[in-house]
Amino acid sequence: MLKLKDVTLHYGHSQILHGISMQAAQGEVTCVMGTNGVGKTSLLKAISGAHPRSGGTMSLDGENLEKLPSHLLARNGIGYVPQGREIFPLMTVRENLETGFACLPSSEHQIPAHIYELFPVLKQMGTRRGGDLSGGQQQQLAIARALIAKPKLLLLDEPTEGIQPNIIQQIGEVISHLRDQGDMAIVLVEQYFEFAYKLANQFVALRRGEVVLSGSPDEITRQDLLSVVSV
């Protein structure tokens, strides 16, 4: 579904990503791992268009994608749940969900029933302001908002950060469900090792903006992966 080749990214004069090549298959979770500051979030920003990549190529579902702005990449099927969630605090839960309609034709401007099946709390709190929700509820809202646009590729940046354990379990179950449906590729950036190890079909480990280890759980030992992602 997703293919990157020799992707680079700069912030000003500083190069953050150094020739990243990786793939993410439909119906799988590809987990990007590494210590703080190695370029994981920058990689998701490059894929989503939140920060334009400096070089390299990217294709989605066989179609080459130029250096498009994020709203056009979203219309091409890339859903992005950023670190920190970035929901609209003064808008209601329902209004936050409806922002996902921007990527859809007017005939599809309705919230599908399966969104509320995945996240029942969002239906109960539909008229509450986003800023009044707990961190875990905001994370569920951010994921649901991305799903409204029916992405081919879902990017999740640290979905367990600052979240209570029972919500972490629910989010893990949702990711497993989305993966098993087989409709999309999922790229997960995650520091919580056990959460990531349980979900991942493929691992991509970064160090200083470069891929230093990649493969499936059958190809990479748990210890080898831990040695790369531990401080």
Protein backbone atom coordinates (compact mmCIF):
# COMPACT_ATOMS: atom_id res chain seq x y z
CA MET A 1 0.00 0.00 0.00
CA LEU A 2 2.71 2.52 1.04
CA LYS A 3 6.21 2.60 -0.44
CA LEU A 4 8.92 5.08 0.49
CA LYS A 5 12.28 5.25 -1.26
CA ASP A 6 15.21 7.40 -0.11
CA VAL A 7 12.99 9.91 1.69
CA THR A 8 14.82 12.84 3.27
CA LEU A 9 13.54 15.72 5.38
CA HIS A 10 15.09 18.94 6.64
CA TYR A 11 14.13 21.48 9.28
CA GLY A 12 15.94 24.55 8.03
CA HIS A 13 19.59 23.57 7.60
CA SER A 14 19.27 20.46 9.78
CA GLN A 15 18.70 17.12 8.06
CA ILE A 16 16.39 14.91 10.13
CA LEU A 17 15.69 11.93 7.83
CA HIS A 18 18.47 10.32 5.83
CA GLY A 19 17.22 8.22 2.93
CA ILE A 20 14.34 6.34 4.53
CA SER A 21 13.07 3.39 2.50
CA MET A 22 10.23 1.26 3.84
CA GLN A 23 6.90 -0.30 2.97
CA ALA A 24 3.60 -0.72 4.80
CA ALA A 25 1.27 -3.43 3.54
CA GLN A 26 -2.51 -3.42 3.44
CA GLY A 27 -4.00 -5.41 6.30
CA GLU A 28 -0.87 -5.01 8.45
CA VAL A 29 0.45 -2.81 11.24
CA THR A 30 3.94 -1.48 10.54
CA CYS A 31 5.44 -0.16 13.76
CA VAL A 32 8.12 2.54 13.61
CA MET A 33 10.24 2.43 16.75
CA GLY A 34 13.29 4.11 18.24
CA THR A 35 14.39 6.34 21.09
CA ASN A 36 13.33 9.98 21.42
CA GLY A 37 14.61 12.30 18.71
CA VAL A 38 15.44 9.72 16.04
CA GLY A 39 12.91 11.07 13.52
CA LYS A 40 9.77 8.96 14.07
CA THR A 41 7.34 11.88 14.20
CA SER A 42 9.20 13.61 11.38
CA LEU A 43 8.70 10.50 9.26
CA LEU A 44 4.94 10.60 9.79
CA LYS A 45 4.91 14.32 9.01
CA ALA A 46 6.77 13.62 5.76
CA ILE A 47 4.28 10.90 4.79
CA SER A 48 1.22 12.99 5.71
CA GLY A 49 2.51 16.21 4.16
CA ALA A 50 2.42 18.03 7.50
CA HIS A 51 6.07 18.86 6.76
CA PRO A 52 7.19 18.54 3.12
CA ARG A 53 9.85 15.95 2.45
CA SER A 54 13.07 17.24 0.95
CA GLY A 55 13.68 14.33 -1.41
CA GLY A 56 12.83 10.76 -2.26
CA THR A 57 9.66 9.21 -3.62
CA MET A 58 6.41 8.01 -2.08
CA SER A 59 3.63 5.93 -3.59
CA LEU A 60 0.28 4.86 -2.19
CA ASP A 61 -1.69 1.98 -3.66
CA GLY A 62 0.61 2.00 -6.70
CA GLU A 63 0.17 5.72 -7.40
CA ASN A 64 3.19 7.98 -7.16
CA LEU A 65 2.50 10.96 -4.89
CA GLU A 66 4.36 14.17 -5.51
CA LYS A 67 5.21 16.61 -2.72
CA LEU A 68 1.58 17.50 -2.14
CA PRO A 69 0.20 19.55 0.77
CA SER A 70 -1.41 17.61 3.58
CA HIS A 71 -5.03 18.30 2.58
CA LEU A 72 -4.45 16.81 -0.89
CA LEU A 73 -2.65 13.79 0.56
CA ALA A 74 -5.66 13.33 2.86
CA ARG A 75 -7.92 13.26 -0.20
CA ASN A 76 -5.59 10.66 -1.70
CA GLY A 77 -6.27 8.39 1.27
CA ILE A 78 -3.80 9.29 4.03
CA GLY A 79 -5.29 9.65 7.52
CA TYR A 80 -3.06 11.18 10.20
CA VAL A 81 -3.54 11.14 13.97
CA PRO A 82 -0.79 13.44 15.27
CA GLN A 83 1.00 13.28 18.57
CA GLY A 84 -0.97 15.42 21.01
CA ARG A 85 -4.23 14.61 19.17
CA GLU A 86 -4.92 18.22 18.03
CA ILE A 87 -8.69 18.04 18.35
CA PHE A 88 -10.65 21.31 18.30
CA PRO A 89 -11.31 22.06 21.99
CA LEU A 90 -14.22 24.49 21.53
CA MET A 91 -16.09 22.36 18.99
CA THR A 92 -18.37 19.52 20.04
CA VAL A 93 -17.42 15.90 19.60
CA ARG A 94 -19.79 15.62 16.67
CA GLU A 95 -18.42 18.80 15.06
CA ASN A 96 -14.88 17.46 15.43
CA LEU A 97 -15.93 14.27 13.65
CA GLU A 98 -17.62 16.26 10.90
CA THR A 99 -14.34 17.99 10.01
CA GLY A 100 -13.41 14.68 8.39
CA PHE A 101 -16.11 15.32 5.77
CA ALA A 102 -13.76 17.73 3.98
CA CYS A 103 -12.15 14.78 2.19
CA LEU A 104 -15.45 13.24 1.09
CA PRO A 105 -18.11 14.02 -1.54
CA SER A 106 -21.24 15.67 -0.13
CA SER A 107 -23.23 12.45 -0.61
CA GLU A 108 -21.06 10.81 2.09
CA HIS A 109 -21.36 13.53 4.73
CA GLN A 110 -22.69 11.35 7.52
CA ILE A 111 -21.00 9.68 10.47
CA PRO A 112 -21.03 5.92 9.82
CA ALA A 113 -22.52 3.68 12.51
CA HIS A 114 -19.30 1.71 12.82
CA ILE A 115 -17.49 4.79 14.19
CA TYR A 116 -19.76 4.74 17.22
CA GLU A 117 -19.46 0.96 17.43
CA LEU A 118 -15.67 1.34 17.70
CA PHE A 119 -15.92 4.28 20.12
CA PRO A 120 -19.26 4.17 22.01
CA VAL A 121 -18.19 6.99 24.34
CA LEU A 122 -18.21 9.43 21.41
CA LYS A 123 -21.91 8.87 20.81
CA GLN A 124 -22.67 9.42 24.48
CA MET A 125 -20.66 12.67 24.47
CA GLY A 126 -21.63 13.96 21.05
CA THR A 127 -22.69 17.38 22.32
CA ARG A 128 -19.76 17.84 24.73
CA ARG A 129 -16.92 20.13 23.75
CA GLY A 130 -13.73 18.36 22.72
CA GLY A 131 -11.72 20.22 25.31
CA ASP A 132 -13.90 18.80 28.10
CA LEU A 133 -12.98 15.20 27.29
CA SER A 134 -10.28 13.26 29.11
CA GLY A 135 -7.00 12.58 27.33
CA GLY A 136 -8.07 9.04 26.48
CA GLN A 137 -11.42 10.20 25.12
CA GLN A 138 -9.68 12.87 23.03
CA GLN A 139 -7.39 10.20 21.59
CA GLN A 140 -10.40 8.10 20.60
CA LEU A 141 -11.95 11.21 19.02
CA ALA A 142 -8.77 11.93 17.04
CA ILE A 143 -8.64 8.37 15.66
CA ALA A 144 -12.36 8.41 14.84
CA ARG A 145 -12.00 11.75 13.04
CA ALA A 146 -9.26 10.28 10.84
CA LEU A 147 -11.41 7.23 10.07
CA ILE A 148 -14.33 9.42 8.90
CA ALA A 149 -12.31 10.21 5.75
CA LYS A 150 -12.05 6.47 4.88
CA PRO A 151 -8.24 6.35 4.63
CA LYS A 152 -6.24 3.75 2.75
CA LEU A 153 -3.32 4.48 5.07
CA LEU A 154 -3.72 5.37 8.77
CA LEU A 155 -0.79 7.05 10.55
CA LEU A 156 -0.85 6.92 14.36
CA ASP A 157 1.71 8.91 16.35
CA GLU A 158 2.07 7.76 19.97
CA PRO A 159 -1.61 6.89 20.54
CA THR A 160 -0.92 5.59 24.08
CA GLU A 161 0.95 8.68 25.32
CA GLY A 162 -0.55 9.95 28.57
CA ILE A 163 -3.53 7.58 28.33
CA GLN A 164 -5.02 5.55 31.17
CA PRO A 165 -4.49 1.74 30.92
CA ASN A 166 -8.12 0.79 30.20
CA ILE A 167 -8.24 3.20 27.23
CA ILE A 168 -4.88 1.89 25.97
CA GLN A 169 -6.44 -1.58 25.87
CA GLN A 170 -9.49 -0.26 23.96
CA ILE A 171 -7.28 1.56 21.43
CA GLY A 172 -5.25 -1.61 20.93
CA GLU A 173 -8.44 -3.55 20.24
CA VAL A 174 -9.55 -0.93 17.69
CA ILE A 175 -6.19 -1.07 15.89
CA SER A 176 -6.37 -4.87 15.80
CA HIS A 177 -9.90 -4.70 14.40
CA LEU A 178 -8.92 -2.20 11.68
CA ARG A 179 -5.92 -4.32 10.73
CA ASP A 180 -7.94 -7.52 10.55
CA GLN A 181 -10.55 -5.91 8.31
CA GLY A 182 -7.78 -5.72 5.72
CA ASP A 183 -8.94 -2.44 4.13
CA MET A 184 -6.01 -0.24 5.09
CA ALA A 185 -2.35 -0.14 5.96
CA ILE A 186 -1.51 1.16 9.43
CA VAL A 187 1.77 2.84 10.41
CA LEU A 188 2.15 3.10 14.17
CA VAL A 189 4.78 5.16 15.98
CA GLU A 190 4.89 3.91 19.54
CA GLN A 191 7.23 4.08 22.55
CA TYR A 192 5.25 1.58 24.66
CA PHE A 193 7.15 -1.54 23.65
CA GLU A 194 4.71 -4.23 24.78
CA PHE A 195 1.78 -2.48 23.08
CA ALA A 196 3.71 -2.17 19.81
CA TYR A 197 5.19 -5.68 19.91
CA LYS A 198 1.77 -7.24 20.37
CA LEU A 199 0.23 -5.37 17.41
CA ALA A 200 2.98 -5.19 14.82
CA ASN A 201 3.25 -7.32 11.69
CA GLN A 202 6.39 -5.45 10.65
CA PHE A 203 8.96 -3.36 12.50
CA VAL A 204 11.01 -0.42 11.26
CA ALA A 205 13.59 0.79 13.80
CA LEU A 206 15.23 4.18 13.39
CA ARG A 207 18.46 5.63 14.73
CA ARG A 208 19.56 9.18 13.89
CA GLY A 209 17.08 9.43 11.06
CA GLU A 210 18.09 6.18 9.37
CA VAL A 211 16.54 2.71 9.23
CA VAL A 212 18.82 0.37 11.17
CA LEU A 213 16.52 -2.64 11.49
CA SER A 214 13.40 -3.81 9.67
CA GLY A 215 11.43 -7.00 9.32
CA SER A 216 8.68 -9.14 10.82
CA PRO A 217 8.58 -10.60 14.35
CA ASP A 218 9.77 -13.88 12.79
CA GLU A 219 12.82 -12.15 11.33
CA ILE A 220 13.80 -9.92 14.26
CA THR A 221 14.30 -11.24 17.76
CA ARG A 222 12.69 -9.40 20.63
CA GLN A 223 16.14 -8.79 22.11
CA ASP A 224 17.53 -7.30 18.89
CA LEU A 225 14.59 -4.92 18.70
CA LEU A 226 14.91 -3.94 22.35
CA SER A 227 18.61 -3.21 21.89
CA VAL A 228 17.76 -0.65 19.20
CA VAL A 229 14.78 1.06 20.83
CA SER A 230 16.05 1.18 24.43
CA VAL A 231 18.08 4.10 25.77
